[in-house]
Amino acid sequence: MKLNFLLLSLLFLYSCGNEKVIELPEINHSEISEINDVSAGYLFYDETQTDSIELNRKNLIVSTNWLINVDKRLSLKQVIPKIKFLQDKKNNSSHKNESARNYYTCHDLSKKNLGFIDFTEVVYTLEDSISNATKNQIIVRFGNNDNITLNQKGKDVSTINSNSDNLFSDLNKFYTTGSTITLGFHEGLSFQDYIDYKILFQNKKSTPLKFSKKEFLYN
């Protein structure tokens, strides 16, 4: 099933006669613009809910590629537990299709259409699970206001304070053959912030970096 005609349904969803709106995160360019065999789930920003978030997963089909539409205003503290829940549901299903992928839906500004970010392999976890970092592990923590911190054990300078503009030059001070980068995100970041940081690495494909599948939240 082609996706172009789904644009409006990704922005507006009618449920029980009520119109619900999702503000999709914006990106300047997406490498993925078309996906076949899909079903969609929605994470709404809803101030009437206790935690201001509403999950609608009634249209998700386990055997298909999933398009997860997340309102960009939601925080990672709100979003990631719901994403982990959906991942577990799919991974533990007897009807799971091993070739099916999971994508976040975005608004691709360059194409004025939908773009998608694959998160199938991402394992969301807590900071405690990566506390015993090895000397080859570089931990990059993304905080509020473009504050980025790089850590690696066994270095003369084990911590570097950075930002989006200097991130890759600072990474090169740590990165060597055999290094693995683990990404961490402050739980107060918005989903738009999260996508912005993820896109930094997509736009730097010429740099041969190896990433851990684990991503963690911290507070």
C-alpha atoms as a PDB file:
ATOM      1  CA  MET A   1       0.000   0.000   0.000  1.00  0.00           C
ATOM      2  CA  LYS A   2       1.475   3.375  -1.005  1.00  0.00           C
ATOM      3  CA  LEU A   3       1.581   6.134   1.593  1.00  0.00           C
ATOM      4  CA  ASN A   4       1.144   9.488  -0.158  1.00  0.00           C
ATOM      5  CA  PHE A   5      -2.623   9.446   0.171  1.00  0.00           C
ATOM      6  CA  LEU A   6      -2.358   8.763   3.907  1.00  0.00           C
ATOM      7  CA  LEU A   7      -0.988  12.211   4.667  1.00  0.00           C
ATOM      8  CA  LEU A   8      -4.196  13.643   6.084  1.00  0.00           C
ATOM      9  CA  SER A   9      -4.985  10.559   8.144  1.00  0.00           C
ATOM     10  CA  LEU A  10      -1.592  10.904   9.813  1.00  0.00           C
ATOM     11  CA  LEU A  11      -2.426  14.441  10.871  1.00  0.00           C
ATOM     12  CA  PHE A  12      -6.097  13.948  11.696  1.00  0.00           C
ATOM     13  CA  LEU A  13      -7.830  10.949  13.205  1.00  0.00           C
ATOM     14  CA  TYR A  14     -11.551  10.676  13.811  1.00  0.00           C
ATOM     15  CA  SER A  15     -12.518   8.661  16.865  1.00  0.00           C
ATOM     16  CA  CYS A  16     -16.054   8.382  18.219  1.00  0.00           C
ATOM     17  CA  GLY A  17     -17.005  11.498  16.270  1.00  0.00           C
ATOM     18  CA  ASN A  18     -14.145  13.550  17.703  1.00  0.00           C
ATOM     19  CA  GLU A  19     -11.278  14.907  15.623  1.00  0.00           C
ATOM     20  CA  LYS A  20      -7.820  14.314  17.082  1.00  0.00           C
ATOM     21  CA  VAL A  21      -4.748  16.060  15.729  1.00  0.00           C
ATOM     22  CA  ILE A  22      -1.094  15.011  15.810  1.00  0.00           C
ATOM     23  CA  GLU A  23       1.696  17.510  15.199  1.00  0.00           C
ATOM     24  CA  LEU A  24       4.331  15.366  13.500  1.00  0.00           C
ATOM     25  CA  PRO A  25       8.030  16.028  14.140  1.00  0.00           C
ATOM     26  CA  GLU A  26       9.708  17.913  11.310  1.00  0.00           C
ATOM     27  CA  ILE A  27      12.896  16.892   9.502  1.00  0.00           C
ATOM     28  CA  ASN A  28      14.765  18.550   6.651  1.00  0.00           C
ATOM     29  CA  HIS A  29      15.327  15.320   4.746  1.00  0.00           C
ATOM     30  CA  SER A  30      14.353  11.682   5.054  1.00  0.00           C
ATOM     31  CA  GLU A  31      16.083   8.759   3.370  1.00  0.00           C
ATOM     32  CA  ILE A  32      12.825   6.783   3.537  1.00  0.00           C
ATOM     33  CA  SER A  33       9.746   8.279   1.913  1.00  0.00           C
ATOM     34  CA  GLU A  34       7.673   5.263   0.861  1.00  0.00           C
ATOM     35  CA  ILE A  35       6.782   2.041   2.665  1.00  0.00           C
ATOM     36  CA  ASN A  36       4.462  -0.776   1.651  1.00  0.00           C
ATOM     37  CA  ASP A  37       2.262  -3.068   3.775  1.00  0.00           C
ATOM     38  CA  VAL A  38       1.708  -0.788   6.739  1.00  0.00           C
ATOM     39  CA  SER A  39      -0.524  -0.205   9.725  1.00  0.00           C
ATOM     40  CA  ALA A  40      -0.478   2.828  11.993  1.00  0.00           C
ATOM     41  CA  GLY A  41      -0.445   3.635  15.689  1.00  0.00           C
ATOM     42  CA  TYR A  42      -0.814   7.063  17.286  1.00  0.00           C
ATOM     43  CA  LEU A  43       0.513   8.814  20.370  1.00  0.00           C
ATOM     44  CA  PHE A  44      -1.590  11.930  20.942  1.00  0.00           C
ATOM     45  CA  TYR A  45      -0.811  14.934  23.097  1.00  0.00           C
ATOM     46  CA  ASP A  46      -3.993  15.203  25.140  1.00  0.00           C
ATOM     47  CA  GLU A  47      -4.178  17.539  28.123  1.00  0.00           C
ATOM     48  CA  THR A  48      -7.429  15.902  29.252  1.00  0.00           C
ATOM     49  CA  GLN A  49      -5.527  12.696  30.066  1.00  0.00           C
ATOM     50  CA  THR A  50      -3.802  12.263  33.447  1.00  0.00           C
ATOM     51  CA  ASP A  51      -0.328  12.146  31.888  1.00  0.00           C
ATOM     52  CA  SER A  52      -1.281  14.214  28.786  1.00  0.00           C
ATOM     53  CA  ILE A  53      -0.728  11.267  26.425  1.00  0.00           C
ATOM     54  CA  GLU A  54      -3.134   8.929  24.655  1.00  0.00           C
ATOM     55  CA  LEU A  55      -2.119   5.776  22.793  1.00  0.00           C
ATOM     56  CA  ASN A  56      -4.311   4.516  19.963  1.00  0.00           C
ATOM     57  CA  ARG A  57      -3.101   1.123  18.706  1.00  0.00           C
ATOM     58  CA  LYS A  58      -6.348  -0.417  17.517  1.00  0.00           C
ATOM     59  CA  ASN A  59      -5.305  -0.312  13.850  1.00  0.00           C
ATOM     60  CA  LEU A  60      -1.880  -1.922  14.333  1.00  0.00           C
ATOM     61  CA  ILE A  61      -1.471  -5.319  12.666  1.00  0.00           C
ATOM     62  CA  VAL A  62       1.433  -7.374  13.978  1.00  0.00           C
ATOM     63  CA  SER A  63       2.479  -8.828  10.615  1.00  0.00           C
ATOM     64  CA  THR A  64       2.844  -5.405   8.918  1.00  0.00           C
ATOM     65  CA  ASN A  65       5.357  -2.576   8.974  1.00  0.00           C
ATOM     66  CA  TRP A  66       4.349  -0.229  11.764  1.00  0.00           C
ATOM     67  CA  LEU A  67       4.113   3.532  11.351  1.00  0.00           C
ATOM     68  CA  ILE A  68       4.144   5.100  14.803  1.00  0.00           C
ATOM     69  CA  ASN A  69       2.885   8.675  14.719  1.00  0.00           C
ATOM     70  CA  VAL A  70       4.052  10.606  17.771  1.00  0.00           C
ATOM     71  CA  ASP A  71       3.045  14.174  18.589  1.00  0.00           C
ATOM     72  CA  LYS A  72       6.250  16.210  18.631  1.00  0.00           C
ATOM     73  CA  ARG A  73       5.181  18.088  21.783  1.00  0.00           C
ATOM     74  CA  LEU A  74       5.274  14.993  23.985  1.00  0.00           C
ATOM     75  CA  SER A  75       8.296  14.412  26.207  1.00  0.00           C
ATOM     76  CA  LEU A  76      10.452  11.294  26.026  1.00  0.00           C
ATOM     77  CA  LYS A  77       9.349  10.453  29.566  1.00  0.00           C
ATOM     78  CA  GLN A  78       5.814  10.205  28.191  1.00  0.00           C
ATOM     79  CA  VAL A  79       6.631   8.562  24.873  1.00  0.00           C
ATOM     80  CA  ILE A  80       9.290   5.905  25.461  1.00  0.00           C
ATOM     81  CA  PRO A  81       7.309   3.694  27.901  1.00  0.00           C
ATOM     82  CA  LYS A  82       4.519   3.517  25.297  1.00  0.00           C
ATOM     83  CA  ILE A  83       7.019   2.664  22.548  1.00  0.00           C
ATOM     84  CA  LYS A  84       8.545  -0.102  24.678  1.00  0.00           C
ATOM     85  CA  PHE A  85       5.045  -1.452  25.288  1.00  0.00           C
ATOM     86  CA  LEU A  86       4.356  -1.565  21.540  1.00  0.00           C
ATOM     87  CA  GLN A  87       7.733  -3.164  20.793  1.00  0.00           C
ATOM     88  CA  ASP A  88       7.097  -5.885  23.372  1.00  0.00           C
ATOM     89  CA  LYS A  89       3.618  -6.562  21.986  1.00  0.00           C
ATOM     90  CA  LYS A  90       5.008  -7.072  18.497  1.00  0.00           C
ATOM     91  CA  ASN A  91       8.107  -9.026  19.496  1.00  0.00           C
ATOM     92  CA  ASN A  92       6.155 -11.427  21.707  1.00  0.00           C
ATOM     93  CA  SER A  93       3.355 -12.105  19.234  1.00  0.00           C
ATOM     94  CA  SER A  94       3.072 -15.526  17.614  1.00  0.00           C
ATOM     95  CA  HIS A  95       1.969 -13.745  14.408  1.00  0.00           C
ATOM     96  CA  LYS A  96       5.115 -11.625  14.185  1.00  0.00           C
ATOM     97  CA  ASN A  97       6.615 -11.135  10.738  1.00  0.00           C
ATOM     98  CA  GLU A  98      10.414 -11.184  11.081  1.00  0.00           C
ATOM     99  CA  SER A  99      10.863  -8.930   8.057  1.00  0.00           C
ATOM    100  CA  ALA A 100       8.413  -6.252   9.246  1.00  0.00           C
ATOM    101  CA  ARG A 101       9.938  -2.989  10.485  1.00  0.00           C
ATOM    102  CA  ASN A 102       8.942  -0.154  12.824  1.00  0.00           C
ATOM    103  CA  TYR A 103       9.099   3.494  11.757  1.00  0.00           C
ATOM    104  CA  TYR A 104       8.490   6.904  13.251  1.00  0.00           C
ATOM    105  CA  THR A 105       6.493   9.149  10.924  1.00  0.00           C
ATOM    106  CA  CYS A 106       7.816  12.657  10.306  1.00  0.00           C
ATOM    107  CA  HIS A 107       7.025  15.652   8.127  1.00  0.00           C
ATOM    108  CA  ASP A 108       9.797  15.902   5.509  1.00  0.00           C
ATOM    109  CA  LEU A 109      10.125  19.629   4.838  1.00  0.00           C
ATOM    110  CA  SER A 110      12.251  19.185   1.709  1.00  0.00           C
ATOM    111  CA  LYS A 111       9.623  17.044  -0.001  1.00  0.00           C
ATOM    112  CA  LYS A 112       6.578  18.550   1.718  1.00  0.00           C
ATOM    113  CA  ASN A 113       5.454  15.016   2.382  1.00  0.00           C
ATOM    114  CA  LEU A 114       5.947  12.211   4.862  1.00  0.00           C
ATOM    115  CA  GLY A 115       9.338  10.826   5.820  1.00  0.00           C
ATOM    116  CA  PHE A 116      10.171   7.873   8.051  1.00  0.00           C
ATOM    117  CA  ILE A 117      12.859   6.919  10.564  1.00  0.00           C
ATOM    118  CA  ASP A 118      13.458   3.225  11.203  1.00  0.00           C
ATOM    119  CA  PHE A 119      13.695   2.341  14.916  1.00  0.00           C
ATOM    120  CA  THR A 120      13.196  -1.421  14.646  1.00  0.00           C
ATOM    121  CA  GLU A 121      16.549  -2.323  16.179  1.00  0.00           C
ATOM    122  CA  VAL A 122      16.523   0.266  18.967  1.00  0.00           C
ATOM    123  CA  VAL A 123      16.345  -1.147  22.489  1.00  0.00           C
ATOM    124  CA  TYR A 124      15.139   1.524  24.909  1.00  0.00           C
ATOM    125  CA  THR A 125      16.494   1.086  28.397  1.00  0.00           C
ATOM    126  CA  LEU A 126      17.417   2.896  31.613  1.00  0.00           C
ATOM    127  CA  GLU A 127      20.763   4.522  32.345  1.00  0.00           C
ATOM    128  CA  ASP A 128      21.587   1.865  34.971  1.00  0.00           C
ATOM    129  CA  SER A 129      21.881  -0.784  32.262  1.00  0.00           C
ATOM    130  CA  ILE A 130      24.872   0.967  30.652  1.00  0.00           C
ATOM    131  CA  SER A 131      26.592   2.109  33.862  1.00  0.00           C
ATOM    132  CA  ASN A 132      29.391  -0.457  33.511  1.00  0.00           C
ATOM    133  CA  ALA A 133      30.805   1.060  30.360  1.00  0.00           C
ATOM    134  CA  THR A 134      33.891  -0.513  28.817  1.00  0.00           C
ATOM    135  CA  LYS A 135      36.904   1.515  27.680  1.00  0.00           C
ATOM    136  CA  ASN A 136      35.695   1.191  24.061  1.00  0.00           C
ATOM    137  CA  GLN A 137      32.248   2.549  24.833  1.00  0.00           C
ATOM    138  CA  ILE A 138      31.555   6.234  24.226  1.00  0.00           C
ATOM    139  CA  ILE A 139      28.454   7.507  25.984  1.00  0.00           C
ATOM    140  CA  VAL A 140      26.775  10.541  24.433  1.00  0.00           C
ATOM    141  CA  ARG A 141      24.151  12.243  26.577  1.00  0.00           C
ATOM    142  CA  PHE A 142      21.801  14.705  24.922  1.00  0.00           C
ATOM    143  CA  GLY A 143      20.370  17.271  27.309  1.00  0.00           C
ATOM    144  CA  ASN A 144      18.206  20.356  27.169  1.00  0.00           C
ATOM    145  CA  ASN A 145      19.284  23.541  25.364  1.00  0.00           C
ATOM    146  CA  ASP A 146      21.691  21.671  23.050  1.00  0.00           C
ATOM    147  CA  ASN A 147      23.884  20.525  25.932  1.00  0.00           C
ATOM    148  CA  ILE A 148      25.683  17.340  24.851  1.00  0.00           C
ATOM    149  CA  THR A 149      28.140  15.431  27.045  1.00  0.00           C
ATOM    150  CA  LEU A 150      30.588  12.780  25.837  1.00  0.00           C
ATOM    151  CA  ASN A 151      32.117  10.256  28.244  1.00  0.00           C
ATOM    152  CA  GLN A 152      34.653   7.466  27.816  1.00  0.00           C
ATOM    153  CA  LYS A 153      36.581   5.567  30.460  1.00  0.00           C
ATOM    154  CA  GLY A 154      40.340   5.331  30.326  1.00  0.00           C
ATOM    155  CA  LYS A 155      40.967   8.681  28.630  1.00  0.00           C
ATOM    156  CA  ASP A 156      43.160  11.480  30.022  1.00  0.00           C
ATOM    157  CA  VAL A 157      40.134  13.703  29.480  1.00  0.00           C
ATOM    158  CA  SER A 158      37.158  11.430  30.157  1.00  0.00           C
ATOM    159  CA  THR A 159      34.388  14.020  29.676  1.00  0.00           C
ATOM    160  CA  ILE A 160      33.806  16.578  26.931  1.00  0.00           C
ATOM    161  CA  ASN A 161      30.992  19.134  26.985  1.00  0.00           C
ATOM    162  CA  SER A 162      29.765  19.684  23.445  1.00  0.00           C
ATOM    163  CA  ASN A 163      26.851  20.844  21.286  1.00  0.00           C
ATOM    164  CA  SER A 164      25.317  19.994  17.910  1.00  0.00           C
ATOM    165  CA  ASP A 165      27.806  22.102  15.960  1.00  0.00           C
ATOM    166  CA  ASN A 166      30.879  20.537  17.576  1.00  0.00           C
ATOM    167  CA  LEU A 167      29.578  17.031  18.224  1.00  0.00           C
ATOM    168  CA  PHE A 168      31.443  15.197  15.472  1.00  0.00           C
ATOM    169  CA  SER A 169      34.753  16.968  15.953  1.00  0.00           C
ATOM    170  CA  ASP A 170      34.513  16.163  19.673  1.00  0.00           C
ATOM    171  CA  LEU A 171      33.569  12.544  18.950  1.00  0.00           C
ATOM    172  CA  ASN A 172      36.724  12.194  16.887  1.00  0.00           C
ATOM    173  CA  LYS A 173      38.767  12.927  20.023  1.00  0.00           C
ATOM    174  CA  PHE A 174      37.426   9.688  21.529  1.00  0.00           C
ATOM    175  CA  TYR A 175      36.491   7.505  18.574  1.00  0.00           C
ATOM    176  CA  THR A 176      38.918   4.802  17.425  1.00  0.00           C
ATOM    177  CA  THR A 177      38.598   1.438  15.687  1.00  0.00           C
ATOM    178  CA  GLY A 178      36.523  -0.781  17.959  1.00  0.00           C
ATOM    179  CA  SER A 179      34.644   2.058  19.625  1.00  0.00           C
ATOM    180  CA  THR A 180      30.886   1.825  20.141  1.00  0.00           C
ATOM    181  CA  ILE A 181      28.641   4.830  20.734  1.00  0.00           C
ATOM    182  CA  THR A 182      25.710   4.579  23.144  1.00  0.00           C
ATOM    183  CA  LEU A 183      23.147   7.377  23.003  1.00  0.00           C
ATOM    184  CA  GLY A 184      21.323   8.737  26.041  1.00  0.00           C
ATOM    185  CA  PHE A 185      18.558  11.331  26.121  1.00  0.00           C
ATOM    186  CA  HIS A 186      17.209  13.472  28.930  1.00  0.00           C
ATOM    187  CA  GLU A 187      13.671  12.377  29.687  1.00  0.00           C
ATOM    188  CA  GLY A 188      12.468  15.973  29.552  1.00  0.00           C
ATOM    189  CA  LEU A 189      13.402  16.398  25.889  1.00  0.00           C
ATOM    190  CA  SER A 190      10.490  16.687  23.491  1.00  0.00           C
ATOM    191  CA  PHE A 191      10.006  14.080  20.796  1.00  0.00           C
ATOM    192  CA  GLN A 192      10.947  16.770  18.261  1.00  0.00           C
ATOM    193  CA  ASP A 193      14.254  17.257  20.121  1.00  0.00           C
ATOM    194  CA  TYR A 194      14.857  13.504  20.006  1.00  0.00           C
ATOM    195  CA  ILE A 195      14.283  13.347  16.250  1.00  0.00           C
ATOM    196  CA  ASP A 196      16.527  16.391  15.718  1.00  0.00           C
ATOM    197  CA  TYR A 197      19.392  14.660  17.516  1.00  0.00           C
ATOM    198  CA  LYS A 198      18.855  11.363  15.690  1.00  0.00           C
ATOM    199  CA  ILE A 199      18.927  13.133  12.337  1.00  0.00           C
ATOM    200  CA  LEU A 200      22.380  14.549  13.157  1.00  0.00           C
ATOM    201  CA  PHE A 201      23.817  11.071  12.665  1.00  0.00           C
ATOM    202  CA  GLN A 202      21.758  10.326   9.568  1.00  0.00           C
ATOM    203  CA  ASN A 203      23.173  13.459   7.955  1.00  0.00           C
ATOM    204  CA  LYS A 204      26.731  12.369   8.783  1.00  0.00           C
ATOM    205  CA  LYS A 205      26.725   9.072   6.904  1.00  0.00           C
ATOM    206  CA  SER A 206      30.265   9.614   5.590  1.00  0.00           C
ATOM    207  CA  THR A 207      31.570   9.209   9.145  1.00  0.00           C
ATOM    208  CA  PRO A 208      32.055   5.469   9.918  1.00  0.00           C
ATOM    209  CA  LEU A 209      30.546   5.265  13.385  1.00  0.00           C
ATOM    210  CA  LYS A 210      29.368   2.147  15.202  1.00  0.00           C
ATOM    211  CA  PHE A 211      26.355   2.445  17.507  1.00  0.00           C
ATOM    212  CA  SER A 212      24.966   0.295  20.271  1.00  0.00           C
ATOM    213  CA  LYS A 213      21.373  -0.832  19.754  1.00  0.00           C
ATOM    214  CA  LYS A 214      20.637   0.421  23.264  1.00  0.00           C
ATOM    215  CA  GLU A 215      19.402   3.951  23.871  1.00  0.00           C
ATOM    216  CA  PHE A 216      18.736   5.124  27.421  1.00  0.00           C
ATOM    217  CA  LEU A 217      16.816   7.853  29.190  1.00  0.00           C
ATOM    218  CA  TYR A 218      18.189   9.790  32.153  1.00  0.00           C
ATOM    219  CA  ASN A 219      16.849  12.483  34.451  1.00  0.00           C
END
